[in-house]
Amino acid sequence: ESSAIPCAEAAIALIRTRTSDTET
């Protein structure tokens, strides 16, 4: 959330909707 990495929002969405840690 505090980074300048372009994929930040997509990565956060992947993490918050994860069902499998390995797949995430």
PDBML (XML) file of the C-alpha atoms, coordinates in Angstrom:
<?xml version="1.0" encoding="UTF-8" ?>
<PDBx:datablock datablockName="MODEL"
   xmlns:PDBx="http://pdbml.pdb.org/schema/pdbx-v50.xsd"
   xmlns:xsi="http://www.w3.org/2001/XMLSchema-instance"
   xsi:schemaLocation="http://pdbml.pdb.org/schema/pdbx-v50.xsd pdbx-v50.xsd">
   <PDBx:atom_siteCategory>
      <PDBx:atom_site id="1">
         <PDBx:B_iso_or_equiv>0.00</PDBx:B_iso_or_equiv>
         <PDBx:Cartn_x>0.000</PDBx:Cartn_x>
         <PDBx:Cartn_y>0.000</PDBx:Cartn_y>
         <PDBx:Cartn_z>0.000</PDBx:Cartn_z>
         <PDBx:auth_asym_id>A</PDBx:auth_asym_id>
         <PDBx:auth_atom_id>CA</PDBx:auth_atom_id>
         <PDBx:auth_comp_id>GLU</PDBx:auth_comp_id>
         <PDBx:auth_seq_id>1</PDBx:auth_seq_id>
         <PDBx:group_PDB>ATOM</PDBx:group_PDB>
         <PDBx:label_alt_id xsi:nil="true" />
         <PDBx:label_asym_id>A</PDBx:label_asym_id>
         <PDBx:label_atom_id>CA</PDBx:label_atom_id>
         <PDBx:label_comp_id>GLU</PDBx:label_comp_id>
         <PDBx:label_entity_id>1</PDBx:label_entity_id>
         <PDBx:label_seq_id>1</PDBx:label_seq_id>
         <PDBx:occupancy>1.00</PDBx:occupancy>
         <PDBx:pdbx_PDB_model_num>1</PDBx:pdbx_PDB_model_num>
         <PDBx:type_symbol>C</PDBx:type_symbol>
      </PDBx:atom_site>
      <PDBx:atom_site id="2">
         <PDBx:B_iso_or_equiv>0.00</PDBx:B_iso_or_equiv>
         <PDBx:Cartn_x>2.881</PDBx:Cartn_x>
         <PDBx:Cartn_y>2.394</PDBx:Cartn_y>
         <PDBx:Cartn_z>0.703</PDBx:Cartn_z>
         <PDBx:auth_asym_id>A</PDBx:auth_asym_id>
         <PDBx:auth_atom_id>CA</PDBx:auth_atom_id>
         <PDBx:auth_comp_id>SER</PDBx:auth_comp_id>
         <PDBx:auth_seq_id>2</PDBx:auth_seq_id>
         <PDBx:group_PDB>ATOM</PDBx:group_PDB>
         <PDBx:label_alt_id xsi:nil="true" />
         <PDBx:label_asym_id>A</PDBx:label_asym_id>
         <PDBx:label_atom_id>CA</PDBx:label_atom_id>
         <PDBx:label_comp_id>SER</PDBx:label_comp_id>
         <PDBx:label_entity_id>1</PDBx:label_entity_id>
         <PDBx:label_seq_id>2</PDBx:label_seq_id>
         <PDBx:occupancy>1.00</PDBx:occupancy>
         <PDBx:pdbx_PDB_model_num>1</PDBx:pdbx_PDB_model_num>
         <PDBx:type_symbol>C</PDBx:type_symbol>
      </PDBx:atom_site>
      <PDBx:atom_site id="3">
         <PDBx:B_iso_or_equiv>0.00</PDBx:B_iso_or_equiv>
         <PDBx:Cartn_x>5.100</PDBx:Cartn_x>
         <PDBx:Cartn_y>1.253</PDBx:Cartn_y>
         <PDBx:Cartn_z>-2.184</PDBx:Cartn_z>
         <PDBx:auth_asym_id>A</PDBx:auth_asym_id>
         <PDBx:auth_atom_id>CA</PDBx:auth_atom_id>
         <PDBx:auth_comp_id>SER</PDBx:auth_comp_id>
         <PDBx:auth_seq_id>3</PDBx:auth_seq_id>
         <PDBx:group_PDB>ATOM</PDBx:group_PDB>
         <PDBx:label_alt_id xsi:nil="true" />
         <PDBx:label_asym_id>A</PDBx:label_asym_id>
         <PDBx:label_atom_id>CA</PDBx:label_atom_id>
         <PDBx:label_comp_id>SER</PDBx:label_comp_id>
         <PDBx:label_entity_id>1</PDBx:label_entity_id>
         <PDBx:label_seq_id>3</PDBx:label_seq_id>
         <PDBx:occupancy>1.00</PDBx:occupancy>
         <PDBx:pdbx_PDB_model_num>1</PDBx:pdbx_PDB_model_num>
         <PDBx:type_symbol>C</PDBx:type_symbol>
      </PDBx:atom_site>
      <PDBx:atom_site id="4">
         <PDBx:B_iso_or_equiv>0.00</PDBx:B_iso_or_equiv>
         <PDBx:Cartn_x>5.586</PDBx:Cartn_x>
         <PDBx:Cartn_y>2.608</PDBx:Cartn_y>
         <PDBx:Cartn_z>-5.703</PDBx:Cartn_z>
         <PDBx:auth_asym_id>A</PDBx:auth_asym_id>
         <PDBx:auth_atom_id>CA</PDBx:auth_atom_id>
         <PDBx:auth_comp_id>ALA</PDBx:auth_comp_id>
         <PDBx:auth_seq_id>4</PDBx:auth_seq_id>
         <PDBx:group_PDB>ATOM</PDBx:group_PDB>
         <PDBx:label_alt_id xsi:nil="true" />
         <PDBx:label_asym_id>A</PDBx:label_asym_id>
         <PDBx:label_atom_id>CA</PDBx:label_atom_id>
         <PDBx:label_comp_id>ALA</PDBx:label_comp_id>
         <PDBx:label_entity_id>1</PDBx:label_entity_id>
         <PDBx:label_seq_id>4</PDBx:label_seq_id>
         <PDBx:occupancy>1.00</PDBx:occupancy>
         <PDBx:pdbx_PDB_model_num>1</PDBx:pdbx_PDB_model_num>
         <PDBx:type_symbol>C</PDBx:type_symbol>
      </PDBx:atom_site>
      <PDBx:atom_site id="5">
         <PDBx:B_iso_or_equiv>0.00</PDBx:B_iso_or_equiv>
         <PDBx:Cartn_x>5.449</PDBx:Cartn_x>
         <PDBx:Cartn_y>-0.820</PDBx:Cartn_y>
         <PDBx:Cartn_z>-7.358</PDBx:Cartn_z>
         <PDBx:auth_asym_id>A</PDBx:auth_asym_id>
         <PDBx:auth_atom_id>CA</PDBx:auth_atom_id>
         <PDBx:auth_comp_id>ILE</PDBx:auth_comp_id>
         <PDBx:auth_seq_id>5</PDBx:auth_seq_id>
         <PDBx:group_PDB>ATOM</PDBx:group_PDB>
         <PDBx:label_alt_id xsi:nil="true" />
         <PDBx:label_asym_id>A</PDBx:label_asym_id>
         <PDBx:label_atom_id>CA</PDBx:label_atom_id>
         <PDBx:label_comp_id>ILE</PDBx:label_comp_id>
         <PDBx:label_entity_id>1</PDBx:label_entity_id>
         <PDBx:label_seq_id>5</PDBx:label_seq_id>
         <PDBx:occupancy>1.00</PDBx:occupancy>
         <PDBx:pdbx_PDB_model_num>1</PDBx:pdbx_PDB_model_num>
         <PDBx:type_symbol>C</PDBx:type_symbol>
      </PDBx:atom_site>
      <PDBx:atom_site id="6">
         <PDBx:B_iso_or_equiv>0.00</PDBx:B_iso_or_equiv>
         <PDBx:Cartn_x>2.957</PDBx:Cartn_x>
         <PDBx:Cartn_y>-0.655</PDBx:Cartn_y>
         <PDBx:Cartn_z>-10.280</PDBx:Cartn_z>
         <PDBx:auth_asym_id>A</PDBx:auth_asym_id>
         <PDBx:auth_atom_id>CA</PDBx:auth_atom_id>
         <PDBx:auth_comp_id>PRO</PDBx:auth_comp_id>
         <PDBx:auth_seq_id>6</PDBx:auth_seq_id>
         <PDBx:group_PDB>ATOM</PDBx:group_PDB>
         <PDBx:label_alt_id xsi:nil="true" />
         <PDBx:label_asym_id>A</PDBx:label_asym_id>
         <PDBx:label_atom_id>CA</PDBx:label_atom_id>
         <PDBx:label_comp_id>PRO</PDBx:label_comp_id>
         <PDBx:label_entity_id>1</PDBx:label_entity_id>
         <PDBx:label_seq_id>6</PDBx:label_seq_id>
         <PDBx:occupancy>1.00</PDBx:occupancy>
         <PDBx:pdbx_PDB_model_num>1</PDBx:pdbx_PDB_model_num>
         <PDBx:type_symbol>C</PDBx:type_symbol>
      </PDBx:atom_site>
      <PDBx:atom_site id="7">
         <PDBx:B_iso_or_equiv>0.00</PDBx:B_iso_or_equiv>
         <PDBx:Cartn_x>1.423</PDBx:Cartn_x>
         <PDBx:Cartn_y>-4.040</PDBx:Cartn_y>
         <PDBx:Cartn_z>-9.489</PDBx:Cartn_z>
         <PDBx:auth_asym_id>A</PDBx:auth_asym_id>
         <PDBx:auth_atom_id>CA</PDBx:auth_atom_id>
         <PDBx:auth_comp_id>CYS</PDBx:auth_comp_id>
         <PDBx:auth_seq_id>7</PDBx:auth_seq_id>
         <PDBx:group_PDB>ATOM</PDBx:group_PDB>
         <PDBx:label_alt_id xsi:nil="true" />
         <PDBx:label_asym_id>A</PDBx:label_asym_id>
         <PDBx:label_atom_id>CA</PDBx:label_atom_id>
         <PDBx:label_comp_id>CYS</PDBx:label_comp_id>
         <PDBx:label_entity_id>1</PDBx:label_entity_id>
         <PDBx:label_seq_id>7</PDBx:label_seq_id>
         <PDBx:occupancy>1.00</PDBx:occupancy>
         <PDBx:pdbx_PDB_model_num>1</PDBx:pdbx_PDB_model_num>
         <PDBx:type_symbol>C</PDBx:type_symbol>
      </PDBx:atom_site>
      <PDBx:atom_site id="8">
         <PDBx:B_iso_or_equiv>0.00</PDBx:B_iso_or_equiv>
         <PDBx:Cartn_x>0.607</PDBx:Cartn_x>
         <PDBx:Cartn_y>-3.127</PDBx:Cartn_y>
         <PDBx:Cartn_z>-5.864</PDBx:Cartn_z>
         <PDBx:auth_asym_id>A</PDBx:auth_asym_id>
         <PDBx:auth_atom_id>CA</PDBx:auth_atom_id>
         <PDBx:auth_comp_id>ALA</PDBx:auth_comp_id>
         <PDBx:auth_seq_id>8</PDBx:auth_seq_id>
         <PDBx:group_PDB>ATOM</PDBx:group_PDB>
         <PDBx:label_alt_id xsi:nil="true" />
         <PDBx:label_asym_id>A</PDBx:label_asym_id>
         <PDBx:label_atom_id>CA</PDBx:label_atom_id>
         <PDBx:label_comp_id>ALA</PDBx:label_comp_id>
         <PDBx:label_entity_id>1</PDBx:label_entity_id>
         <PDBx:label_seq_id>8</PDBx:label_seq_id>
         <PDBx:occupancy>1.00</PDBx:occupancy>
         <PDBx:pdbx_PDB_model_num>1</PDBx:pdbx_PDB_model_num>
         <PDBx:type_symbol>C</PDBx:type_symbol>
      </PDBx:atom_site>
      <PDBx:atom_site id="9">
         <PDBx:B_iso_or_equiv>0.00</PDBx:B_iso_or_equiv>
         <PDBx:Cartn_x>-3.179</PDBx:Cartn_x>
         <PDBx:Cartn_y>-3.081</PDBx:Cartn_y>
         <PDBx:Cartn_z>-6.240</PDBx:Cartn_z>
         <PDBx:auth_asym_id>A</PDBx:auth_asym_id>
         <PDBx:auth_atom_id>CA</PDBx:auth_atom_id>
         <PDBx:auth_comp_id>GLU</PDBx:auth_comp_id>
         <PDBx:auth_seq_id>9</PDBx:auth_seq_id>
         <PDBx:group_PDB>ATOM</PDBx:group_PDB>
         <PDBx:label_alt_id xsi:nil="true" />
         <PDBx:label_asym_id>A</PDBx:label_asym_id>
         <PDBx:label_atom_id>CA</PDBx:label_atom_id>
         <PDBx:label_comp_id>GLU</PDBx:label_comp_id>
         <PDBx:label_entity_id>1</PDBx:label_entity_id>
         <PDBx:label_seq_id>9</PDBx:label_seq_id>
         <PDBx:occupancy>1.00</PDBx:occupancy>
         <PDBx:pdbx_PDB_model_num>1</PDBx:pdbx_PDB_model_num>
         <PDBx:type_symbol>C</PDBx:type_symbol>
      </PDBx:atom_site>
      <PDBx:atom_site id="10">
         <PDBx:B_iso_or_equiv>0.00</PDBx:B_iso_or_equiv>
         <PDBx:Cartn_x>-3.240</PDBx:Cartn_x>
         <PDBx:Cartn_y>-6.325</PDBx:Cartn_y>
         <PDBx:Cartn_z>-8.226</PDBx:Cartn_z>
         <PDBx:auth_asym_id>A</PDBx:auth_asym_id>
         <PDBx:auth_atom_id>CA</PDBx:auth_atom_id>
         <PDBx:auth_comp_id>ALA</PDBx:auth_comp_id>
         <PDBx:auth_seq_id>10</PDBx:auth_seq_id>
         <PDBx:group_PDB>ATOM</PDBx:group_PDB>
         <PDBx:label_alt_id xsi:nil="true" />
         <PDBx:label_asym_id>A</PDBx:label_asym_id>
         <PDBx:label_atom_id>CA</PDBx:label_atom_id>
         <PDBx:label_comp_id>ALA</PDBx:label_comp_id>
         <PDBx:label_entity_id>1</PDBx:label_entity_id>
         <PDBx:label_seq_id>10</PDBx:label_seq_id>
         <PDBx:occupancy>1.00</PDBx:occupancy>
         <PDBx:pdbx_PDB_model_num>1</PDBx:pdbx_PDB_model_num>
         <PDBx:type_symbol>C</PDBx:type_symbol>
      </PDBx:atom_site>
      <PDBx:atom_site id="11">
         <PDBx:B_iso_or_equiv>0.00</PDBx:B_iso_or_equiv>
         <PDBx:Cartn_x>-0.969</PDBx:Cartn_x>
         <PDBx:Cartn_y>-8.025</PDBx:Cartn_y>
         <PDBx:Cartn_z>-5.694</PDBx:Cartn_z>
         <PDBx:auth_asym_id>A</PDBx:auth_asym_id>
         <PDBx:auth_atom_id>CA</PDBx:auth_atom_id>
         <PDBx:auth_comp_id>ALA</PDBx:auth_comp_id>
         <PDBx:auth_seq_id>11</PDBx:auth_seq_id>
         <PDBx:group_PDB>ATOM</PDBx:group_PDB>
         <PDBx:label_alt_id xsi:nil="true" />
         <PDBx:label_asym_id>A</PDBx:label_asym_id>
         <PDBx:label_atom_id>CA</PDBx:label_atom_id>
         <PDBx:label_comp_id>ALA</PDBx:label_comp_id>
         <PDBx:label_entity_id>1</PDBx:label_entity_id>
         <PDBx:label_seq_id>11</PDBx:label_seq_id>
         <PDBx:occupancy>1.00</PDBx:occupancy>
         <PDBx:pdbx_PDB_model_num>1</PDBx:pdbx_PDB_model_num>
         <PDBx:type_symbol>C</PDBx:type_symbol>
      </PDBx:atom_site>
      <PDBx:atom_site id="12">
         <PDBx:B_iso_or_equiv>0.00</PDBx:B_iso_or_equiv>
         <PDBx:Cartn_x>-3.107</PDBx:Cartn_x>
         <PDBx:Cartn_y>-6.846</PDBx:Cartn_y>
         <PDBx:Cartn_z>-2.766</PDBx:Cartn_z>
         <PDBx:auth_asym_id>A</PDBx:auth_asym_id>
         <PDBx:auth_atom_id>CA</PDBx:auth_atom_id>
         <PDBx:auth_comp_id>ILE</PDBx:auth_comp_id>
         <PDBx:auth_seq_id>12</PDBx:auth_seq_id>
         <PDBx:group_PDB>ATOM</PDBx:group_PDB>
         <PDBx:label_alt_id xsi:nil="true" />
         <PDBx:label_asym_id>A</PDBx:label_asym_id>
         <PDBx:label_atom_id>CA</PDBx:label_atom_id>
         <PDBx:label_comp_id>ILE</PDBx:label_comp_id>
         <PDBx:label_entity_id>1</PDBx:label_entity_id>
         <PDBx:label_seq_id>12</PDBx:label_seq_id>
         <PDBx:occupancy>1.00</PDBx:occupancy>
         <PDBx:pdbx_PDB_model_num>1</PDBx:pdbx_PDB_model_num>
         <PDBx:type_symbol>C</PDBx:type_symbol>
      </PDBx:atom_site>
      <PDBx:atom_site id="13">
         <PDBx:B_iso_or_equiv>0.00</PDBx:B_iso_or_equiv>
         <PDBx:Cartn_x>-6.217</PDBx:Cartn_x>
         <PDBx:Cartn_y>-8.173</PDBx:Cartn_y>
         <PDBx:Cartn_z>-4.502</PDBx:Cartn_z>
         <PDBx:auth_asym_id>A</PDBx:auth_asym_id>
         <PDBx:auth_atom_id>CA</PDBx:auth_atom_id>
         <PDBx:auth_comp_id>ALA</PDBx:auth_comp_id>
         <PDBx:auth_seq_id>13</PDBx:auth_seq_id>
         <PDBx:group_PDB>ATOM</PDBx:group_PDB>
         <PDBx:label_alt_id xsi:nil="true" />
         <PDBx:label_asym_id>A</PDBx:label_asym_id>
         <PDBx:label_atom_id>CA</PDBx:label_atom_id>
         <PDBx:label_comp_id>ALA</PDBx:label_comp_id>
         <PDBx:label_entity_id>1</PDBx:label_entity_id>
         <PDBx:label_seq_id>13</PDBx:label_seq_id>
         <PDBx:occupancy>1.00</PDBx:occupancy>
         <PDBx:pdbx_PDB_model_num>1</PDBx:pdbx_PDB_model_num>
         <PDBx:type_symbol>C</PDBx:type_symbol>
      </PDBx:atom_site>
      <PDBx:atom_site id="14">
         <PDBx:B_iso_or_equiv>0.00</PDBx:B_iso_or_equiv>
         <PDBx:Cartn_x>-4.559</PDBx:Cartn_x>
         <PDBx:Cartn_y>-11.560</PDBx:Cartn_y>
         <PDBx:Cartn_z>-4.997</PDBx:Cartn_z>
         <PDBx:auth_asym_id>A</PDBx:auth_asym_id>
         <PDBx:auth_atom_id>CA</PDBx:auth_atom_id>
         <PDBx:auth_comp_id>LEU</PDBx:auth_comp_id>
         <PDBx:auth_seq_id>14</PDBx:auth_seq_id>
         <PDBx:group_PDB>ATOM</PDBx:group_PDB>
         <PDBx:label_alt_id xsi:nil="true" />
         <PDBx:label_asym_id>A</PDBx:label_asym_id>
         <PDBx:label_atom_id>CA</PDBx:label_atom_id>
         <PDBx:label_comp_id>LEU</PDBx:label_comp_id>
         <PDBx:label_entity_id>1</PDBx:label_entity_id>
         <PDBx:label_seq_id>14</PDBx:label_seq_id>
         <PDBx:occupancy>1.00</PDBx:occupancy>
         <PDBx:pdbx_PDB_model_num>1</PDBx:pdbx_PDB_model_num>
         <PDBx:type_symbol>C</PDBx:type_symbol>
      </PDBx:atom_site>
      <PDBx:atom_site id="15">
         <PDBx:B_iso_or_equiv>0.00</PDBx:B_iso_or_equiv>
         <PDBx:Cartn_x>-3.567</PDBx:Cartn_x>
         <PDBx:Cartn_y>-11.725</PDBx:Cartn_y>
         <PDBx:Cartn_z>-1.333</PDBx:Cartn_z>
         <PDBx:auth_asym_id>A</PDBx:auth_asym_id>
         <PDBx:auth_atom_id>CA</PDBx:auth_atom_id>
         <PDBx:auth_comp_id>ILE</PDBx:auth_comp_id>
         <PDBx:auth_seq_id>15</PDBx:auth_seq_id>
         <PDBx:group_PDB>ATOM</PDBx:group_PDB>
         <PDBx:label_alt_id xsi:nil="true" />
         <PDBx:label_asym_id>A</PDBx:label_asym_id>
         <PDBx:label_atom_id>CA</PDBx:label_atom_id>
         <PDBx:label_comp_id>ILE</PDBx:label_comp_id>
         <PDBx:label_entity_id>1</PDBx:label_entity_id>
         <PDBx:label_seq_id>15</PDBx:label_seq_id>
         <PDBx:occupancy>1.00</PDBx:occupancy>
         <PDBx:pdbx_PDB_model_num>1</PDBx:pdbx_PDB_model_num>
         <PDBx:type_symbol>C</PDBx:type_symbol>
      </PDBx:atom_site>
      <PDBx:atom_site id="16">
         <PDBx:B_iso_or_equiv>0.00</PDBx:B_iso_or_equiv>
         <PDBx:Cartn_x>-6.937</PDBx:Cartn_x>
         <PDBx:Cartn_y>-10.659</PDBx:Cartn_y>
         <PDBx:Cartn_z>0.110</PDBx:Cartn_z>
         <PDBx:auth_asym_id>A</PDBx:auth_asym_id>
         <PDBx:auth_atom_id>CA</PDBx:auth_atom_id>
         <PDBx:auth_comp_id>ARG</PDBx:auth_comp_id>
         <PDBx:auth_seq_id>16</PDBx:auth_seq_id>
         <PDBx:group_PDB>ATOM</PDBx:group_PDB>
         <PDBx:label_alt_id xsi:nil="true" />
         <PDBx:label_asym_id>A</PDBx:label_asym_id>
         <PDBx:label_atom_id>CA</PDBx:label_atom_id>
         <PDBx:label_comp_id>ARG</PDBx:label_comp_id>
         <PDBx:label_entity_id>1</PDBx:label_entity_id>
         <PDBx:label_seq_id>16</PDBx:label_seq_id>
         <PDBx:occupancy>1.00</PDBx:occupancy>
         <PDBx:pdbx_PDB_model_num>1</PDBx:pdbx_PDB_model_num>
         <PDBx:type_symbol>C</PDBx:type_symbol>
      </PDBx:atom_site>
      <PDBx:atom_site id="17">
         <PDBx:B_iso_or_equiv>0.00</PDBx:B_iso_or_equiv>
         <PDBx:Cartn_x>-8.921</PDBx:Cartn_x>
         <PDBx:Cartn_y>-13.073</PDBx:Cartn_y>
         <PDBx:Cartn_z>-2.057</PDBx:Cartn_z>
         <PDBx:auth_asym_id>A</PDBx:auth_asym_id>
         <PDBx:auth_atom_id>CA</PDBx:auth_atom_id>
         <PDBx:auth_comp_id>THR</PDBx:auth_comp_id>
         <PDBx:auth_seq_id>17</PDBx:auth_seq_id>
         <PDBx:group_PDB>ATOM</PDBx:group_PDB>
         <PDBx:label_alt_id xsi:nil="true" />
         <PDBx:label_asym_id>A</PDBx:label_asym_id>
         <PDBx:label_atom_id>CA</PDBx:label_atom_id>
         <PDBx:label_comp_id>THR</PDBx:label_comp_id>
         <PDBx:label_entity_id>1</PDBx:label_entity_id>
         <PDBx:label_seq_id>17</PDBx:label_seq_id>
         <PDBx:occupancy>1.00</PDBx:occupancy>
         <PDBx:pdbx_PDB_model_num>1</PDBx:pdbx_PDB_model_num>
         <PDBx:type_symbol>C</PDBx:type_symbol>
      </PDBx:atom_site>
      <PDBx:atom_site id="18">
         <PDBx:B_iso_or_equiv>0.00</PDBx:B_iso_or_equiv>
         <PDBx:Cartn_x>-6.539</PDBx:Cartn_x>
         <PDBx:Cartn_y>-16.010</PDBx:Cartn_y>
         <PDBx:Cartn_z>-1.700</PDBx:Cartn_z>
         <PDBx:auth_asym_id>A</PDBx:auth_asym_id>
         <PDBx:auth_atom_id>CA</PDBx:auth_atom_id>
         <PDBx:auth_comp_id>ARG</PDBx:auth_comp_id>
         <PDBx:auth_seq_id>18</PDBx:auth_seq_id>
         <PDBx:group_PDB>ATOM</PDBx:group_PDB>
         <PDBx:label_alt_id xsi:nil="true" />
         <PDBx:label_asym_id>A</PDBx:label_asym_id>
         <PDBx:label_atom_id>CA</PDBx:label_atom_id>
         <PDBx:label_comp_id>ARG</PDBx:label_comp_id>
         <PDBx:label_entity_id>1</PDBx:label_entity_id>
         <PDBx:label_seq_id>18</PDBx:label_seq_id>
         <PDBx:occupancy>1.00</PDBx:occupancy>
         <PDBx:pdbx_PDB_model_num>1</PDBx:pdbx_PDB_model_num>
         <PDBx:type_symbol>C</PDBx:type_symbol>
      </PDBx:atom_site>
      <PDBx:atom_site id="19">
         <PDBx:B_iso_or_equiv>0.00</PDBx:B_iso_or_equiv>
         <PDBx:Cartn_x>-7.867</PDBx:Cartn_x>
         <PDBx:Cartn_y>-19.495</PDBx:Cartn_y>
         <PDBx:Cartn_z>-1.071</PDBx:Cartn_z>
         <PDBx:auth_asym_id>A</PDBx:auth_asym_id>
         <PDBx:auth_atom_id>CA</PDBx:auth_atom_id>
         <PDBx:auth_comp_id>THR</PDBx:auth_comp_id>
         <PDBx:auth_seq_id>19</PDBx:auth_seq_id>
         <PDBx:group_PDB>ATOM</PDBx:group_PDB>
         <PDBx:label_alt_id xsi:nil="true" />
         <PDBx:label_asym_id>A</PDBx:label_asym_id>
         <PDBx:label_atom_id>CA</PDBx:label_atom_id>
         <PDBx:label_comp_id>THR</PDBx:label_comp_id>
         <PDBx:label_entity_id>1</PDBx:label_entity_id>
         <PDBx:label_seq_id>19</PDBx:label_seq_id>
         <PDBx:occupancy>1.00</PDBx:occupancy>
         <PDBx:pdbx_PDB_model_num>1</PDBx:pdbx_PDB_model_num>
         <PDBx:type_symbol>C</PDBx:type_symbol>
      </PDBx:atom_site>
      <PDBx:atom_site id="20">
         <PDBx:B_iso_or_equiv>0.00</PDBx:B_iso_or_equiv>
         <PDBx:Cartn_x>-4.513</PDBx:Cartn_x>
         <PDBx:Cartn_y>-21.259</PDBx:Cartn_y>
         <PDBx:Cartn_z>-1.425</PDBx:Cartn_z>
         <PDBx:auth_asym_id>A</PDBx:auth_asym_id>
         <PDBx:auth_atom_id>CA</PDBx:auth_atom_id>
         <PDBx:auth_comp_id>SER</PDBx:auth_comp_id>
         <PDBx:auth_seq_id>20</PDBx:auth_seq_id>
         <PDBx:group_PDB>ATOM</PDBx:group_PDB>
         <PDBx:label_alt_id xsi:nil="true" />
         <PDBx:label_asym_id>A</PDBx:label_asym_id>
         <PDBx:label_atom_id>CA</PDBx:label_atom_id>
         <PDBx:label_comp_id>SER</PDBx:label_comp_id>
         <PDBx:label_entity_id>1</PDBx:label_entity_id>
         <PDBx:label_seq_id>20</PDBx:label_seq_id>
         <PDBx:occupancy>1.00</PDBx:occupancy>
         <PDBx:pdbx_PDB_model_num>1</PDBx:pdbx_PDB_model_num>
         <PDBx:type_symbol>C</PDBx:type_symbol>
      </PDBx:atom_site>
      <PDBx:atom_site id="21">
         <PDBx:B_iso_or_equiv>0.00</PDBx:B_iso_or_equiv>
         <PDBx:Cartn_x>-1.221</PDBx:Cartn_x>
         <PDBx:Cartn_y>-19.832</PDBx:Cartn_y>
         <PDBx:Cartn_z>-0.159</PDBx:Cartn_z>
         <PDBx:auth_asym_id>A</PDBx:auth_asym_id>
         <PDBx:auth_atom_id>CA</PDBx:auth_atom_id>
         <PDBx:auth_comp_id>ASP</PDBx:auth_comp_id>
         <PDBx:auth_seq_id>21</PDBx:auth_seq_id>
         <PDBx:group_PDB>ATOM</PDBx:group_PDB>
         <PDBx:label_alt_id xsi:nil="true" />
         <PDBx:label_asym_id>A</PDBx:label_asym_id>
         <PDBx:label_atom_id>CA</PDBx:label_atom_id>
         <PDBx:label_comp_id>ASP</PDBx:label_comp_id>
         <PDBx:label_entity_id>1</PDBx:label_entity_id>
         <PDBx:label_seq_id>21</PDBx:label_seq_id>
         <PDBx:occupancy>1.00</PDBx:occupancy>
         <PDBx:pdbx_PDB_model_num>1</PDBx:pdbx_PDB_model_num>
         <PDBx:type_symbol>C</PDBx:type_symbol>
      </PDBx:atom_site>
      <PDBx:atom_site id="22">
         <PDBx:B_iso_or_equiv>0.00</PDBx:B_iso_or_equiv>
         <PDBx:Cartn_x>0.741</PDBx:Cartn_x>
         <PDBx:Cartn_y>-21.926</PDBx:Cartn_y>
         <PDBx:Cartn_z>-2.654</PDBx:Cartn_z>
         <PDBx:auth_asym_id>A</PDBx:auth_asym_id>
         <PDBx:auth_atom_id>CA</PDBx:auth_atom_id>
         <PDBx:auth_comp_id>THR</PDBx:auth_comp_id>
         <PDBx:auth_seq_id>22</PDBx:auth_seq_id>
         <PDBx:group_PDB>ATOM</PDBx:group_PDB>
         <PDBx:label_alt_id xsi:nil="true" />
         <PDBx:label_asym_id>A</PDBx:label_asym_id>
         <PDBx:label_atom_id>CA</PDBx:label_atom_id>
         <PDBx:label_comp_id>THR</PDBx:label_comp_id>
         <PDBx:label_entity_id>1</PDBx:label_entity_id>
         <PDBx:label_seq_id>22</PDBx:label_seq_id>
         <PDBx:occupancy>1.00</PDBx:occupancy>
         <PDBx:pdbx_PDB_model_num>1</PDBx:pdbx_PDB_model_num>
         <PDBx:type_symbol>C</PDBx:type_symbol>
      </PDBx:atom_site>
      <PDBx:atom_site id="23">
         <PDBx:B_iso_or_equiv>0.00</PDBx:B_iso_or_equiv>
         <PDBx:Cartn_x>-1.281</PDBx:Cartn_x>
         <PDBx:Cartn_y>-20.727</PDBx:Cartn_y>
         <PDBx:Cartn_z>-5.634</PDBx:Cartn_z>
         <PDBx:auth_asym_id>A</PDBx:auth_asym_id>
         <PDBx:auth_atom_id>CA</PDBx:auth_atom_id>
         <PDBx:auth_comp_id>GLU</PDBx:auth_comp_id>
         <PDBx:auth_seq_id>23</PDBx:auth_seq_id>
         <PDBx:group_PDB>ATOM</PDBx:group_PDB>
         <PDBx:label_alt_id xsi:nil="true" />
         <PDBx:label_asym_id>A</PDBx:label_asym_id>
         <PDBx:label_atom_id>CA</PDBx:label_atom_id>
         <PDBx:label_comp_id>GLU</PDBx:label_comp_id>
         <PDBx:label_entity_id>1</PDBx:label_entity_id>
         <PDBx:label_seq_id>23</PDBx:label_seq_id>
         <PDBx:occupancy>1.00</PDBx:occupancy>
         <PDBx:pdbx_PDB_model_num>1</PDBx:pdbx_PDB_model_num>
         <PDBx:type_symbol>C</PDBx:type_symbol>
      </PDBx:atom_site>
      <PDBx:atom_site id="24">
         <PDBx:B_iso_or_equiv>0.00</PDBx:B_iso_or_equiv>
         <PDBx:Cartn_x>-1.164</PDBx:Cartn_x>
         <PDBx:Cartn_y>-17.113</PDBx:Cartn_y>
         <PDBx:Cartn_z>-4.447</PDBx:Cartn_z>
         <PDBx:auth_asym_id>A</PDBx:auth_asym_id>
         <PDBx:auth_atom_id>CA</PDBx:auth_atom_id>
         <PDBx:auth_comp_id>THR</PDBx:auth_comp_id>
         <PDBx:auth_seq_id>24</PDBx:auth_seq_id>
         <PDBx:group_PDB>ATOM</PDBx:group_PDB>
         <PDBx:label_alt_id xsi:nil="true" />
         <PDBx:label_asym_id>A</PDBx:label_asym_id>
         <PDBx:label_atom_id>CA</PDBx:label_atom_id>
         <PDBx:label_comp_id>THR</PDBx:label_comp_id>
         <PDBx:label_entity_id>1</PDBx:label_entity_id>
         <PDBx:label_seq_id>24</PDBx:label_seq_id>
         <PDBx:occupancy>1.00</PDBx:occupancy>
         <PDBx:pdbx_PDB_model_num>1</PDBx:pdbx_PDB_model_num>
         <PDBx:type_symbol>C</PDBx:type_symbol>
      </PDBx:atom_site>
   </PDBx:atom_siteCategory>
</PDBx:datablock>
